[in-house]
Amino acid sequence: QVQLVESGGGLVQAGGSLRLSCEVSGRTFSSVTMAWFRQTPGNEREFVATISRSGGPSITSESVKGRFTISRDNAKNTGYLQMNSLKPEDTGVYYCAAGTGLFTTSKYYTYWGQGTQVTVSS
């Protein structure tokens, strides 16, 4: 059973930074791609970023490009999302996901974490 556990969310003022972590267990971490999505009430999960198995190629949403950086440390079985210059519209529940490709659509990811709340105050 693959498990993903996010951490690092919280309340931050606009312009601030947070780093989310996603620890993966139950499967060799380097065998899966990893992604971050976010969701606000009443809306579908929105793609944020995804990264390849090796940590090389990645895709970042235009809405966060230049502010958010996805990375991973296969030795620690952990993926990260560094979020800088946060805006109130970045508020939401952030989910990490593991899958088999660099997909920007949530339905193609098999494994999900429970989510971590990020709130950005103005």
PDB file of N, CA and C in Angstrom:
ATOM      1  N   GLN A   1       0.838  -1.181   0.000  1.00  0.00           N
ATOM      2  CA  GLN A   1       0.000   0.000   0.000  1.00  0.00           C
ATOM      3  C   GLN A   1       0.886   1.248   0.000  1.00  0.00           C
ATOM      4  N   VAL A   2       0.712   2.073  -0.995  1.00  0.00           N
ATOM      5  CA  VAL A   2       1.487   3.306  -1.082  1.00  0.00           C
ATOM      6  C   VAL A   2       0.814   4.377  -0.237  1.00  0.00           C
ATOM      7  N   GLN A   3       1.594   5.040   0.571  1.00  0.00           N
ATOM      8  CA  GLN A   3       1.076   6.123   1.407  1.00  0.00           C
ATOM      9  C   GLN A   3       1.864   7.398   1.147  1.00  0.00           C
ATOM     10  N   LEU A   4       1.146   8.499   1.089  1.00  0.00           N
ATOM     11  CA  LEU A   4       1.749   9.809   0.925  1.00  0.00           C
ATOM     12  C   LEU A   4       1.278  10.684   2.087  1.00  0.00           C
ATOM     13  N   VAL A   5       2.206  11.344   2.730  1.00  0.00           N
ATOM     14  CA  VAL A   5       1.870  12.198   3.868  1.00  0.00           C
ATOM     15  C   VAL A   5       2.468  13.583   3.641  1.00  0.00           C
ATOM     16  N   GLU A   6       1.585  14.579   3.534  1.00  0.00           N
ATOM     17  CA  GLU A   6       2.040  15.956   3.339  1.00  0.00           C
ATOM     18  C   GLU A   6       2.256  16.637   4.694  1.00  0.00           C
ATOM     19  N   SER A   7       3.122  17.609   4.683  1.00  0.00           N
ATOM     20  CA  SER A   7       3.327  18.456   5.858  1.00  0.00           C
ATOM     21  C   SER A   7       3.854  19.806   5.392  1.00  0.00           C
ATOM     22  N   GLY A   8       3.820  20.774   6.304  1.00  0.00           N
ATOM     23  CA  GLY A   8       4.403  22.073   6.007  1.00  0.00           C
ATOM     24  C   GLY A   8       3.416  23.182   5.707  1.00  0.00           C
ATOM     25  N   GLY A   9       2.134  22.851   5.673  1.00  0.00           N
ATOM     26  CA  GLY A   9       1.156  23.901   5.434  1.00  0.00           C
ATOM     27  C   GLY A   9       1.008  24.801   6.645  1.00  0.00           C
ATOM     28  N   GLY A  10       0.242  25.864   6.473  1.00  0.00           N
ATOM     29  CA  GLY A  10       0.016  26.782   7.582  1.00  0.00           C
ATOM     30  C   GLY A  10      -0.513  28.113   7.115  1.00  0.00           C
ATOM     31  N   LEU A  11      -0.459  29.078   8.015  1.00  0.00           N
ATOM     32  CA  LEU A  11      -0.928  30.437   7.742  1.00  0.00           C
ATOM     33  C   LEU A  11       0.280  31.336   7.526  1.00  0.00           C
ATOM     34  N   VAL A  12       0.257  32.100   6.453  1.00  0.00           N
ATOM     35  CA  VAL A  12       1.370  32.983   6.142  1.00  0.00           C
ATOM     36  C   VAL A  12       0.828  34.269   5.527  1.00  0.00           C
ATOM     37  N   GLN A  13       1.529  35.353   5.720  1.00  0.00           N
ATOM     38  CA  GLN A  13       1.116  36.616   5.119  1.00  0.00           C
ATOM     39  C   GLN A  13       1.508  36.662   3.642  1.00  0.00           C
ATOM     40  N   ALA A  14       0.782  37.446   2.901  1.00  0.00           N
ATOM     41  CA  ALA A  14       1.111  37.624   1.488  1.00  0.00           C
ATOM     42  C   ALA A  14       2.559  38.080   1.335  1.00  0.00           C
ATOM     43  N   GLY A  15       3.236  37.488   0.373  1.00  0.00           N
ATOM     44  CA  GLY A  15       4.650  37.773   0.162  1.00  0.00           C
ATOM     45  C   GLY A  15       5.574  36.814   0.884  1.00  0.00           C
ATOM     46  N   GLY A  16       5.018  36.017   1.759  1.00  0.00           N
ATOM     47  CA  GLY A  16       5.808  35.073   2.529  1.00  0.00           C
ATOM     48  C   GLY A  16       6.073  33.781   1.776  1.00  0.00           C
ATOM     49  N   SER A  17       6.705  32.841   2.478  1.00  0.00           N
ATOM     50  CA  SER A  17       7.096  31.566   1.883  1.00  0.00           C
ATOM     51  C   SER A  17       6.695  30.397   2.771  1.00  0.00           C
ATOM     52  N   LEU A  18       6.485  29.275   2.139  1.00  0.00           N
ATOM     53  CA  LEU A  18       6.267  27.998   2.822  1.00  0.00           C
ATOM     54  C   LEU A  18       6.926  26.902   1.989  1.00  0.00           C
ATOM     55  N   ARG A  19       7.331  25.829   2.654  1.00  0.00           N
ATOM     56  CA  ARG A  19       7.808  24.650   1.942  1.00  0.00           C
ATOM     57  C   ARG A  19       6.985  23.455   2.368  1.00  0.00           C
ATOM     58  N   LEU A  20       6.309  22.874   1.409  1.00  0.00           N
ATOM     59  CA  LEU A  20       5.537  21.667   1.657  1.00  0.00           C
ATOM     60  C   LEU A  20       6.410  20.445   1.401  1.00  0.00           C
ATOM     61  N   SER A  21       6.176  19.405   2.201  1.00  0.00           N
ATOM     62  CA  SER A  21       6.875  18.141   2.029  1.00  0.00           C
ATOM     63  C   SER A  21       5.858  17.031   1.820  1.00  0.00           C
ATOM     64  N   CYS A  22       6.274  16.013   1.089  1.00  0.00           N
ATOM     65  CA  CYS A  22       5.426  14.851   0.841  1.00  0.00           C
ATOM     66  C   CYS A  22       6.294  13.608   0.977  1.00  0.00           C
ATOM     67  N   GLU A  23       6.086  12.873   2.052  1.00  0.00           N
ATOM     68  CA  GLU A  23       6.861  11.660   2.288  1.00  0.00           C
ATOM     69  C   GLU A  23       6.089  10.463   1.748  1.00  0.00           C
ATOM     70  N   VAL A  24       6.767   9.654   0.969  1.00  0.00           N
ATOM     71  CA  VAL A  24       6.150   8.506   0.316  1.00  0.00           C
ATOM     72  C   VAL A  24       6.687   7.214   0.910  1.00  0.00           C
ATOM     73  N   SER A  25       5.804   6.270   1.197  1.00  0.00           N
ATOM     74  CA  SER A  25       6.203   4.965   1.700  1.00  0.00           C
ATOM     75  C   SER A  25       5.409   3.879   0.993  1.00  0.00           C
ATOM     76  N   GLY A  26       5.903   2.669   1.054  1.00  0.00           N
ATOM     77  CA  GLY A  26       5.201   1.528   0.478  1.00  0.00           C
ATOM     78  C   GLY A  26       5.588   1.212  -0.944  1.00  0.00           C
ATOM     79  N   ARG A  27       6.441   2.048  -1.510  1.00  0.00           N
ATOM     80  CA  ARG A  27       6.896   1.804  -2.879  1.00  0.00           C
ATOM     81  C   ARG A  27       8.207   2.552  -3.069  1.00  0.00           C
ATOM     82  N   THR A  28       9.047   2.043  -3.935  1.00  0.00           N
ATOM     83  CA  THR A  28      10.292   2.741  -4.207  1.00  0.00           C
ATOM     84  C   THR A  28       9.984   4.114  -4.793  1.00  0.00           C
ATOM     85  N   PHE A  29      10.375   5.142  -4.073  1.00  0.00           N
ATOM     86  CA  PHE A  29      10.000   6.500  -4.439  1.00  0.00           C
ATOM     87  C   PHE A  29      10.484   6.857  -5.836  1.00  0.00           C
ATOM     88  N   SER A  30      11.670   6.396  -6.190  1.00  0.00           N
ATOM     89  CA  SER A  30      12.230   6.744  -7.491  1.00  0.00           C
ATOM     90  C   SER A  30      11.508   6.072  -8.648  1.00  0.00           C
ATOM     91  N   SER A  31      10.547   5.204  -8.364  1.00  0.00           N
ATOM     92  CA  SER A  31       9.804   4.534  -9.427  1.00  0.00           C
ATOM     93  C   SER A  31       8.537   5.297  -9.819  1.00  0.00           C
ATOM     94  N   VAL A  32       8.228   6.373  -9.108  1.00  0.00           N
ATOM     95  CA  VAL A  32       7.005   7.124  -9.402  1.00  0.00           C
ATOM     96  C   VAL A  32       7.328   8.582  -9.688  1.00  0.00           C
ATOM     97  N   THR A  33       6.495   9.182 -10.516  1.00  0.00           N
ATOM     98  CA  THR A  33       6.532  10.633 -10.663  1.00  0.00           C
ATOM     99  C   THR A  33       5.729  11.236  -9.516  1.00  0.00           C
ATOM    100  N   MET A  34       5.913  12.496  -9.286  1.00  0.00           N
ATOM    101  CA  MET A  34       5.232  13.158  -8.198  1.00  0.00           C
ATOM    102  C   MET A  34       4.643  14.480  -8.660  1.00  0.00           C
ATOM    103  N   ALA A  35       3.516  14.847  -8.079  1.00  0.00           N
ATOM    104  CA  ALA A  35       2.871  16.091  -8.464  1.00  0.00           C
ATOM    105  C   ALA A  35       2.235  16.755  -7.252  1.00  0.00           C
ATOM    106  N   TRP A  36       1.954  18.030  -7.417  1.00  0.00           N
ATOM    107  CA  TRP A  36       1.200  18.802  -6.425  1.00  0.00           C
ATOM    108  C   TRP A  36      -0.030  19.391  -7.110  1.00  0.00           C
ATOM    109  N   PHE A  37      -1.149  19.280  -6.431  1.00  0.00           N
ATOM    110  CA  PHE A  37      -2.401  19.902  -6.852  1.00  0.00           C
ATOM    111  C   PHE A  37      -2.919  20.721  -5.677  1.00  0.00           C
ATOM    112  N   ARG A  38      -3.840  21.621  -5.943  1.00  0.00           N
ATOM    113  CA  ARG A  38      -4.489  22.368  -4.871  1.00  0.00           C
ATOM    114  C   ARG A  38      -5.980  22.480  -5.161  1.00  0.00           C
ATOM    115  N   GLN A  39      -6.726  22.682  -4.097  1.00  0.00           N
ATOM    116  CA  GLN A  39      -8.172  22.705  -4.230  1.00  0.00           C
ATOM    117  C   GLN A  39      -8.772  23.689  -3.246  1.00  0.00           C
ATOM    118  N   THR A  40      -9.771  24.433  -3.707  1.00  0.00           N
ATOM    119  CA  THR A  40     -10.551  25.321  -2.859  1.00  0.00           C
ATOM    120  C   THR A  40     -11.989  24.820  -2.870  1.00  0.00           C
ATOM    121  N   PRO A  41     -12.761  25.164  -1.847  1.00  0.00           N
ATOM    122  CA  PRO A  41     -14.144  24.667  -1.753  1.00  0.00           C
ATOM    123  C   PRO A  41     -14.956  24.958  -3.009  1.00  0.00           C
ATOM    124  N   GLY A  42     -15.616  23.927  -3.498  1.00  0.00           N
ATOM    125  CA  GLY A  42     -16.484  24.081  -4.653  1.00  0.00           C
ATOM    126  C   GLY A  42     -15.780  23.996  -5.983  1.00  0.00           C
ATOM    127  N   ASN A  43     -14.478  23.812  -5.952  1.00  0.00           N
ATOM    128  CA  ASN A  43     -13.699  23.753  -7.192  1.00  0.00           C
ATOM    129  C   ASN A  43     -12.991  22.411  -7.344  1.00  0.00           C
ATOM    130  N   GLU A  44     -12.635  22.094  -8.573  1.00  0.00           N
ATOM    131  CA  GLU A  44     -11.878  20.880  -8.829  1.00  0.00           C
ATOM    132  C   GLU A  44     -10.419  21.107  -8.440  1.00  0.00           C
ATOM    133  N   ARG A  45      -9.716  20.002  -8.305  1.00  0.00           N
ATOM    134  CA  ARG A  45      -8.290  20.102  -7.999  1.00  0.00           C
ATOM    135  C   ARG A  45      -7.554  20.733  -9.170  1.00  0.00           C
ATOM    136  N   GLU A  46      -6.721  21.697  -8.839  1.00  0.00           N
ATOM    137  CA  GLU A  46      -5.977  22.456  -9.840  1.00  0.00           C
ATOM    138  C   GLU A  46      -4.527  21.998  -9.845  1.00  0.00           C
ATOM    139  N   PHE A  47      -4.014  21.748 -11.024  1.00  0.00           N
ATOM    140  CA  PHE A  47      -2.616  21.337 -11.172  1.00  0.00           C
ATOM    141  C   PHE A  47      -1.691  22.468 -10.765  1.00  0.00           C
ATOM    142  N   VAL A  48      -0.626  22.090 -10.018  1.00  0.00           N
ATOM    143  CA  VAL A  48       0.384  23.067  -9.618  1.00  0.00           C
ATOM    144  C   VAL A  48       1.725  22.744 -10.277  1.00  0.00           C
ATOM    145  N   ALA A  49       2.202  21.525 -10.071  1.00  0.00           N
ATOM    146  CA  ALA A  49       3.508  21.152 -10.635  1.00  0.00           C
ATOM    147  C   ALA A  49       3.668  19.644 -10.588  1.00  0.00           C
ATOM    148  N   THR A  50       4.543  19.143 -11.459  1.00  0.00           N
ATOM    149  CA  THR A  50       4.879  17.727 -11.449  1.00  0.00           C
ATOM    150  C   THR A  50       6.346  17.562 -11.795  1.00  0.00           C
ATOM    151  N   ILE A  51       6.942  16.483 -11.315  1.00  0.00           N
ATOM    152  CA  ILE A  51       8.369  16.258 -11.516  1.00  0.00           C
ATOM    153  C   ILE A  51       8.609  14.790 -11.844  1.00  0.00           C
ATOM    154  N   SER A  52       9.627  14.566 -12.676  1.00  0.00           N
ATOM    155  CA  SER A  52       9.927  13.213 -13.135  1.00  0.00           C
ATOM    156  C   SER A  52      10.547  12.353 -12.029  1.00  0.00           C
ATOM    157  N   ARG A  53      10.720  11.080 -12.337  1.00  0.00           N
ATOM    158  CA  ARG A  53      11.274  10.151 -11.368  1.00  0.00           C
ATOM    159  C   ARG A  53      12.686  10.546 -10.918  1.00  0.00           C
ATOM    160  N   SER A  54      13.437  11.051 -11.847  1.00  0.00           N
ATOM    161  CA  SER A  54      14.829  11.394 -11.545  1.00  0.00           C
ATOM    162  C   SER A  54      14.987  12.755 -10.894  1.00  0.00           C
ATOM    163  N   GLY A  55      13.920  13.547 -10.936  1.00  0.00           N
ATOM    164  CA  GLY A  55      14.023  14.910 -10.433  1.00  0.00           C
ATOM    165  C   GLY A  55      14.495  15.892 -11.480  1.00  0.00           C
ATOM    166  N   GLY A  56      14.579  15.446 -12.737  1.00  0.00           N
ATOM    167  CA  GLY A  56      15.007  16.309 -13.820  1.00  0.00           C
ATOM    168  C   GLY A  56      13.861  17.085 -14.415  1.00  0.00           C
ATOM    169  N   PRO A  57      13.260  16.544 -15.499  1.00  0.00           N
ATOM    170  CA  PRO A  57      12.158  17.271 -16.126  1.00  0.00           C
ATOM    171  C   PRO A  57      11.012  17.538 -15.161  1.00  0.00           C
ATOM    172  N   SER A  58      10.424  18.724 -15.318  1.00  0.00           N
ATOM    173  CA  SER A  58       9.267  19.072 -14.496  1.00  0.00           C
ATOM    174  C   SER A  58       8.360  19.997 -15.290  1.00  0.00           C
ATOM    175  N   ILE A  59       7.135  20.121 -14.845  1.00  0.00           N
ATOM    176  CA  ILE A  59       6.160  21.025 -15.447  1.00  0.00           C
ATOM    177  C   ILE A  59       5.551  21.832 -14.312  1.00  0.00           C
ATOM    178  N   THR A  60       5.440  23.138 -14.525  1.00  0.00           N
ATOM    179  CA  THR A  60       4.862  24.017 -13.511  1.00  0.00           C
ATOM    180  C   THR A  60       3.731  24.817 -14.125  1.00  0.00           C
ATOM    181  N   SER A  61       2.661  24.954 -13.385  1.00  0.00           N
ATOM    182  CA  SER A  61       1.524  25.738 -13.854  1.00  0.00           C
ATOM    183  C   SER A  61       1.924  27.188 -14.089  1.00  0.00           C
ATOM    184  N   GLU A  62       1.340  27.798 -15.093  1.00  0.00           N
ATOM    185  CA  GLU A  62       1.636  29.191 -15.386  1.00  0.00           C
ATOM    186  C   GLU A  62       1.258  30.104 -14.223  1.00  0.00           C
ATOM    187  N   SER A  63       0.266  29.715 -13.450  1.00  0.00           N
ATOM    188  CA  SER A  63      -0.205  30.570 -12.359  1.00  0.00           C
ATOM    189  C   SER A  63       0.805  30.672 -11.214  1.00  0.00           C
ATOM    190  N   VAL A  64       1.746  29.721 -11.138  1.00  0.00           N
ATOM    191  CA  VAL A  64       2.722  29.743 -10.047  1.00  0.00           C
ATOM    192  C   VAL A  64       4.161  29.781 -10.555  1.00  0.00           C
ATOM    193  N   LYS A  65       4.338  29.745 -11.855  1.00  0.00           N
ATOM    194  CA  LYS A  65       5.688  29.714 -12.414  1.00  0.00           C
ATOM    195  C   LYS A  65       6.473  30.947 -11.972  1.00  0.00           C
ATOM    196  N   GLY A  66       7.714  30.697 -11.563  1.00  0.00           N
ATOM    197  CA  GLY A  66       8.559  31.777 -11.076  1.00  0.00           C
ATOM    198  C   GLY A  66       8.431  32.016  -9.594  1.00  0.00           C
ATOM    199  N   ARG A  67       7.414  31.427  -8.974  1.00  0.00           N
ATOM    200  CA  ARG A  67       7.204  31.569  -7.528  1.00  0.00           C
ATOM    201  C   ARG A  67       7.321  30.234  -6.808  1.00  0.00           C
ATOM    202  N   PHE A  68       6.836  29.164  -7.420  1.00  0.00           N
ATOM    203  CA  PHE A  68       6.847  27.839  -6.815  1.00  0.00           C
ATOM    204  C   PHE A  68       7.888  26.960  -7.518  1.00  0.00           C
ATOM    205  N   THR A  69       8.542  26.106  -6.732  1.00  0.00           N
ATOM    206  CA  THR A  69       9.513  25.172  -7.286  1.00  0.00           C
ATOM    207  C   THR A  69       9.263  23.782  -6.718  1.00  0.00           C
ATOM    208  N   ILE A  70       9.123  22.821  -7.619  1.00  0.00           N
ATOM    209  CA  ILE A  70       8.959  21.432  -7.195  1.00  0.00           C
ATOM    210  C   ILE A  70      10.315  20.746  -7.224  1.00  0.00           C
ATOM    211  N   SER A  71      10.545  19.880  -6.251  1.00  0.00           N
ATOM    212  CA  SER A  71      11.801  19.131  -6.214  1.00  0.00           C
ATOM    213  C   SER A  71      11.549  17.822  -5.475  1.00  0.00           C
ATOM    214  N   ARG A  72      12.572  16.973  -5.469  1.00  0.00           N
ATOM    215  CA  ARG A  72      12.439  15.703  -4.765  1.00  0.00           C
ATOM    216  C   ARG A  72      13.808  15.224  -4.327  1.00  0.00           C
ATOM    217  N   ASP A  73      13.822  14.435  -3.263  1.00  0.00           N
ATOM    218  CA  ASP A  73      15.038  13.809  -2.766  1.00  0.00           C
ATOM    219  C   ASP A  73      14.742  12.319  -2.663  1.00  0.00           C
ATOM    220  N   ASN A  74      15.187  11.569  -3.656  1.00  0.00           N
ATOM    221  CA  ASN A  74      14.862  10.140  -3.690  1.00  0.00           C
ATOM    222  C   ASN A  74      15.493   9.382  -2.534  1.00  0.00           C
ATOM    223  N   ALA A  75      16.605   9.860  -2.022  1.00  0.00           N
ATOM    224  CA  ALA A  75      17.244   9.194  -0.889  1.00  0.00           C
ATOM    225  C   ALA A  75      16.409   9.314   0.380  1.00  0.00           C
ATOM    226  N   LYS A  76      15.580  10.355   0.430  1.00  0.00           N
ATOM    227  CA  LYS A  76      14.732  10.589   1.611  1.00  0.00           C
ATOM    228  C   LYS A  76      13.276  10.223   1.353  1.00  0.00           C
ATOM    229  N   ASN A  77      12.990   9.699   0.159  1.00  0.00           N
ATOM    230  CA  ASN A  77      11.608   9.338  -0.201  1.00  0.00           C
ATOM    231  C   ASN A  77      10.652  10.514  -0.027  1.00  0.00           C
ATOM    232  N   THR A  78      11.112  11.689  -0.329  1.00  0.00           N
ATOM    233  CA  THR A  78      10.344  12.898  -0.048  1.00  0.00           C
ATOM    234  C   THR A  78      10.367  13.851  -1.226  1.00  0.00           C
ATOM    235  N   GLY A  79       9.202  14.412  -1.501  1.00  0.00           N
ATOM    236  CA  GLY A  79       9.091  15.463  -2.491  1.00  0.00           C
ATOM    237  C   GLY A  79       8.769  16.778  -1.807  1.00  0.00           C
ATOM    238  N   TYR A  80       9.042  17.874  -2.521  1.00  0.00           N
ATOM    239  CA  TYR A  80       8.871  19.197  -1.919  1.00  0.00           C
ATOM    240  C   TYR A  80       8.196  20.157  -2.883  1.00  0.00           C
ATOM    241  N   LEU A  81       7.557  21.157  -2.302  1.00  0.00           N
ATOM    242  CA  LEU A  81       7.057  22.286  -3.081  1.00  0.00           C
ATOM    243  C   LEU A  81       7.449  23.550  -2.322  1.00  0.00           C
ATOM    244  N   GLN A  82       8.424  24.252  -2.859  1.00  0.00           N
ATOM    245  CA  GLN A  82       8.848  25.522  -2.276  1.00  0.00           C
ATOM    246  C   GLN A  82       7.979  26.616  -2.847  1.00  0.00           C
ATOM    247  N   MET A  83       7.300  27.340  -1.980  1.00  0.00           N
ATOM    248  CA  MET A  83       6.354  28.369  -2.407  1.00  0.00           C
ATOM    249  C   MET A  83       6.831  29.725  -1.896  1.00  0.00           C
ATOM    250  N   ASN A  84       7.170  30.596  -2.807  1.00  0.00           N
ATOM    251  CA  ASN A  84       7.628  31.949  -2.470  1.00  0.00           C
ATOM    252  C   ASN A  84       6.657  32.986  -2.999  1.00  0.00           C
ATOM    253  N   SER A  85       6.764  34.187  -2.485  1.00  0.00           N
ATOM    254  CA  SER A  85       5.915  35.298  -2.937  1.00  0.00           C
ATOM    255  C   SER A  85       4.447  34.889  -2.954  1.00  0.00           C
ATOM    256  N   LEU A  86       4.018  34.317  -1.879  1.00  0.00           N
ATOM    257  CA  LEU A  86       2.655  33.787  -1.811  1.00  0.00           C
ATOM    258  C   LEU A  86       1.624  34.896  -1.903  1.00  0.00           C
ATOM    259  N   LYS A  87       0.511  34.555  -2.539  1.00  0.00           N
ATOM    260  CA  LYS A  87      -0.603  35.483  -2.725  1.00  0.00           C
ATOM    261  C   LYS A  87      -1.857  34.899  -2.070  1.00  0.00           C
ATOM    262  N   PRO A  88      -2.811  35.739  -1.718  1.00  0.00           N
ATOM    263  CA  PRO A  88      -4.052  35.214  -1.125  1.00  0.00           C
ATOM    264  C   PRO A  88      -4.742  34.180  -2.028  1.00  0.00           C
ATOM    265  N   GLU A  89      -4.609  34.323  -3.336  1.00  0.00           N
ATOM    266  CA  GLU A  89      -5.242  33.360  -4.243  1.00  0.00           C
ATOM    267  C   GLU A  89      -4.543  32.009  -4.261  1.00  0.00           C
ATOM    268  N   ASP A  90      -3.412  31.893  -3.575  1.00  0.00           N
ATOM    269  CA  ASP A  90      -2.757  30.592  -3.429  1.00  0.00           C
ATOM    270  C   ASP A  90      -3.370  29.769  -2.295  1.00  0.00           C
ATOM    271  N   THR A  91      -4.270  30.361  -1.560  1.00  0.00           N
ATOM    272  CA  THR A  91      -4.915  29.657  -0.454  1.00  0.00           C
ATOM    273  C   THR A  91      -5.670  28.437  -0.947  1.00  0.00           C
ATOM    274  N   GLY A  92      -5.548  27.323  -0.203  1.00  0.00           N
ATOM    275  CA  GLY A  92      -6.255  26.111  -0.559  1.00  0.00           C
ATOM    276  C   GLY A  92      -5.675  24.920   0.165  1.00  0.00           C
ATOM    277  N   VAL A  93      -6.227  23.763  -0.095  1.00  0.00           N
ATOM    278  CA  VAL A  93      -5.668  22.519   0.400  1.00  0.00           C
ATOM    279  C   VAL A  93      -4.745  21.975  -0.688  1.00  0.00           C
ATOM    280  N   TYR A  94      -3.517  21.711  -0.308  1.00  0.00           N
ATOM    281  CA  TYR A  94      -2.516  21.223  -1.250  1.00  0.00           C
ATOM    282  C   TYR A  94      -2.339  19.723  -1.071  1.00  0.00           C
ATOM    283  N   TYR A  95      -2.419  19.017  -2.187  1.00  0.00           N
ATOM    284  CA  TYR A  95      -2.295  17.576  -2.199  1.00  0.00           C
ATOM    285  C   TYR A  95      -1.074  17.158  -3.009  1.00  0.00           C
ATOM    286  N   CYS A  96      -0.358  16.164  -2.521  1.00  0.00           N
ATOM    287  CA  CYS A  96       0.663  15.546  -3.363  1.00  0.00           C
ATOM    288  C   CYS A  96       0.106  14.248  -3.918  1.00  0.00           C
ATOM    289  N   ALA A  97       0.634  13.867  -5.061  1.00  0.00           N
ATOM    290  CA  ALA A  97       0.171  12.685  -5.767  1.00  0.00           C
ATOM    291  C   ALA A  97       1.363  11.975  -6.387  1.00  0.00           C
ATOM    292  N   ALA A  98       1.225  10.669  -6.536  1.00  0.00           N
ATOM    293  CA  ALA A  98       2.274   9.869  -7.181  1.00  0.00           C
ATOM    294  C   ALA A  98       1.666   9.107  -8.343  1.00  0.00           C
ATOM    295  N   GLY A  99       2.434   9.006  -9.417  1.00  0.00           N
ATOM    296  CA  GLY A  99       1.907   8.344 -10.590  1.00  0.00           C
ATOM    297  C   GLY A  99       2.987   7.799 -11.496  1.00  0.00           C
ATOM    298  N   THR A 100       2.614   7.633 -12.769  1.00  0.00           N
ATOM    299  CA  THR A 100       3.515   6.987 -13.727  1.00  0.00           C
ATOM    300  C   THR A 100       3.985   7.904 -14.840  1.00  0.00           C
ATOM    301  N   GLY A 101       3.545   9.154 -14.821  1.00  0.00           N
ATOM    302  CA  GLY A 101       3.952  10.071 -15.872  1.00  0.00           C
ATOM    303  C   GLY A 101       3.837  11.502 -15.419  1.00  0.00           C
ATOM    304  N   LEU A 102       4.240  12.415 -16.275  1.00  0.00           N
ATOM    305  CA  LEU A 102       4.151  13.848 -15.975  1.00  0.00           C
ATOM    306  C   LEU A 102       2.798  14.370 -16.460  1.00  0.00           C
ATOM    307  N   PHE A 103       1.787  14.113 -15.668  1.00  0.00           N
ATOM    308  CA  PHE A 103       0.431  14.492 -16.044  1.00  0.00           C
ATOM    309  C   PHE A 103       0.027  15.785 -15.342  1.00  0.00           C
ATOM    310  N   THR A 104      -0.814  16.570 -16.016  1.00  0.00           N
ATOM    311  CA  THR A 104      -1.323  17.798 -15.410  1.00  0.00           C
ATOM    312  C   THR A 104      -2.784  17.663 -15.027  1.00  0.00           C
ATOM    313  N   THR A 105      -3.316  16.477 -15.170  1.00  0.00           N
ATOM    314  CA  THR A 105      -4.717  16.199 -14.836  1.00  0.00           C
ATOM    315  C   THR A 105      -4.775  15.211 -13.685  1.00  0.00           C
ATOM    316  N   SER A 106      -5.582  15.513 -12.685  1.00  0.00           N
ATOM    317  CA  SER A 106      -5.583  14.721 -11.457  1.00  0.00           C
ATOM    318  C   SER A 106      -6.016  13.273 -11.674  1.00  0.00           C
ATOM    319  N   LYS A 107      -6.868  13.022 -12.655  1.00  0.00           N
ATOM    320  CA  LYS A 107      -7.424  11.670 -12.805  1.00  0.00           C
ATOM    321  C   LYS A 107      -6.363  10.642 -13.181  1.00  0.00           C
ATOM    322  N   TYR A 108      -5.204  11.092 -13.653  1.00  0.00           N
ATOM    323  CA  TYR A 108      -4.163  10.155 -14.073  1.00  0.00           C
ATOM    324  C   TYR A 108      -3.220   9.752 -12.938  1.00  0.00           C
ATOM    325  N   TYR A 109      -3.439  10.317 -11.740  1.00  0.00           N
ATOM    326  CA  TYR A 109      -2.607   9.963 -10.601  1.00  0.00           C
ATOM    327  C   TYR A 109      -3.325   8.951  -9.731  1.00  0.00           C
ATOM    328  N   THR A 110      -2.589   7.936  -9.332  1.00  0.00           N
ATOM    329  CA  THR A 110      -3.162   6.807  -8.609  1.00  0.00           C
ATOM    330  C   THR A 110      -3.183   7.016  -7.101  1.00  0.00           C
ATOM    331  N   TYR A 111      -2.116   7.593  -6.591  1.00  0.00           N
ATOM    332  CA  TYR A 111      -1.946   7.693  -5.142  1.00  0.00           C
ATOM    333  C   TYR A 111      -1.979   9.150  -4.706  1.00  0.00           C
ATOM    334  N   TRP A 112      -2.646   9.388  -3.569  1.00  0.00           N
ATOM    335  CA  TRP A 112      -2.834  10.752  -3.067  1.00  0.00           C
ATOM    336  C   TRP A 112      -2.577  10.825  -1.571  1.00  0.00           C
ATOM    337  N   GLY A 113      -2.091  11.979  -1.153  1.00  0.00           N
ATOM    338  CA  GLY A 113      -1.992  12.264   0.264  1.00  0.00           C
ATOM    339  C   GLY A 113      -3.307  12.832   0.789  1.00  0.00           C
ATOM    340  N   GLN A 114      -3.331  13.135   2.073  1.00  0.00           N
ATOM    341  CA  GLN A 114      -4.558  13.603   2.709  1.00  0.00           C
ATOM    342  C   GLN A 114      -4.745  15.118   2.565  1.00  0.00           C
ATOM    343  N   GLY A 115      -3.716  15.804   2.160  1.00  0.00           N
ATOM    344  CA  GLY A 115      -3.795  17.243   1.950  1.00  0.00           C
ATOM    345  C   GLY A 115      -3.306  18.039   3.143  1.00  0.00           C
ATOM    346  N   THR A 116      -2.811  19.226   2.855  1.00  0.00           N
ATOM    347  CA  THR A 116      -2.375  20.142   3.905  1.00  0.00           C
ATOM    348  C   THR A 116      -2.881  21.549   3.557  1.00  0.00           C
ATOM    349  N   GLN A 117      -3.408  22.234   4.545  1.00  0.00           N
ATOM    350  CA  GLN A 117      -4.022  23.545   4.316  1.00  0.00           C
ATOM    351  C   GLN A 117      -2.960  24.631   4.252  1.00  0.00           C
ATOM    352  N   VAL A 118      -3.080  25.451   3.223  1.00  0.00           N
ATOM    353  CA  VAL A 118      -2.249  26.649   3.090  1.00  0.00           C
ATOM    354  C   VAL A 118      -3.189  27.849   3.054  1.00  0.00           C
ATOM    355  N   THR A 119      -2.964  28.780   3.953  1.00  0.00           N
ATOM    356  CA  THR A 119      -3.778  29.988   3.994  1.00  0.00           C
ATOM    357  C   THR A 119      -2.867  31.205   3.920  1.00  0.00           C
ATOM    358  N   VAL A 120      -3.128  32.053   2.932  1.00  0.00           N
ATOM    359  CA  VAL A 120      -2.326  33.256   2.736  1.00  0.00           C
ATOM    360  C   VAL A 120      -3.209  34.459   3.032  1.00  0.00           C
ATOM    361  N   SER A 121      -2.828  35.225   4.029  1.00  0.00           N
ATOM    362  CA  SER A 121      -3.611  36.397   4.412  1.00  0.00           C
ATOM    363  C   SER A 121      -3.094  37.641   3.690  1.00  0.00           C
ATOM    364  N   SER A 122      -4.018  38.544   3.426  1.00  0.00           N
ATOM    365  CA  SER A 122      -3.634  39.771   2.699  1.00  0.00           C
ATOM    366  C   SER A 122      -3.219  40.875   3.659  1.00  0.00           C
TER     367      SER A 122
END
